[in-house]
Amino acid sequence: MNNHAPIASHDRHYAGLWRRFLALAIDIVVLSLLFFPVTRLVKGVWIMNRTDHLWGYGWLVTDPLCLIFLGIIVLYFIFLEGIFGATIGKKLTGLRVMGLDGKKPGIRRAAIRNILRIVDSLPALNILGVVLILTSSERARFGDRIAATRVIHG
C-alpha cells in the first residue's frame, strides 16, 4: 500500500488567511523566546533600538547578531516545513504544508516557497500574498504556486 499517494483535491481543506496569520504569529513568539534572551546576553538590552545596531547604508542592517537571527528565521521555516511539514505555529493551529503530490514538501520545495516570501510581501505588508490567498480556490500565495505546495488543515 502506498502511504504517499496524492490526496484527491476534494479531500483537501486549504488553510485560509487568518489561521495562517495565527500560525505565523505563534512562530514569531517562538523565535522571540530565543532572540530576546540572546540579545540581552550579547547586547545588554532586551530590545535593540537604532543605536544598538551596526547600520550599513540606509535601511541595510549589517549587525552580525541581526544577520544571524535572519539566517535562523529562514532556516527555521525551511527545515521545519521541509522535514516535518509544519512549523511550531502551523502544528499548534492544525496546519501543514504539503506538496501537490500529497507528500511533505522536502527541503527544496520548502526553500522555494519561503524564499519567495519576498515576492509575496510586495508591494508592502504582504499585500500580494494576502490577495492571492483570498482569491485562490486553493488559498495559494505566489511562493506556494511556484514551489507546488499548499497549506492545508490536518
Foldseek 3Di string as FASTA:
>chain_A
DDPQAFDPPVPFAFDADPLVVQLVVVVVVVLLVVLQVVCCVPQVHRDDDPVSFDADPDPRGPRPSVVVSVVVVLCQQLVCQQPVQGHPSCVVSQKGKAASRRHRLHNVLSNQLSVCCVVCQPPHPSVQLNVCLVPDPQSDGPSCVVSRMGMTGD
